[in-house]
Amino acid sequence: MIKRILVATSLLCMCCILFAQNVQVKGKVVSENEAVEFANVVLQTKDSIFIAGGVTDSKGRFMMENIQAGSYLLCISGMGYTSRIISLDHLAVSKDLGVIMISPESILLKEVVVTGASVINAADRKIILPTA
């Protein structure tokens, strides 16, 4: 009788350990206290092998489920924002990264020159538009 109880307990513990290997990673991406919509969130191994990916929702939240335990890089990027890479070493339990700040990226142009022609050439005629 004791042998059966011991075997049943061992099997139950093994099942719990097997299910505990899948973890989830979640967080919220913000910039200047505003949620960042549609930011790309990619989970990859240290040698850049894609594991999971997605985009943030309207509140800047993301969640990745059924991730195997291990060491990963979380890459966050968005149009008009600087990219951010977070190292997740020895990820073994579900992790809430909380609020992740990214900053806006702006590029200054030295000058912009706009040119145009006021003459339109067609096959059988030439049109000149008067300009001031």
Foldseek 3Di string as FASTA:
>chain_A
DVVVVVVVVVVVVVVVLVVLQKAKEKEFEDEPPQGDWFKKKFKAAPVRHTDDIDTAHRRRMDMDTRDGFAKIWIWIGDVQWDIDIDTDGRRRYYDYPYYDYIYGDDDDDPDDDDDDAQWDDDPPDIDGDDDD
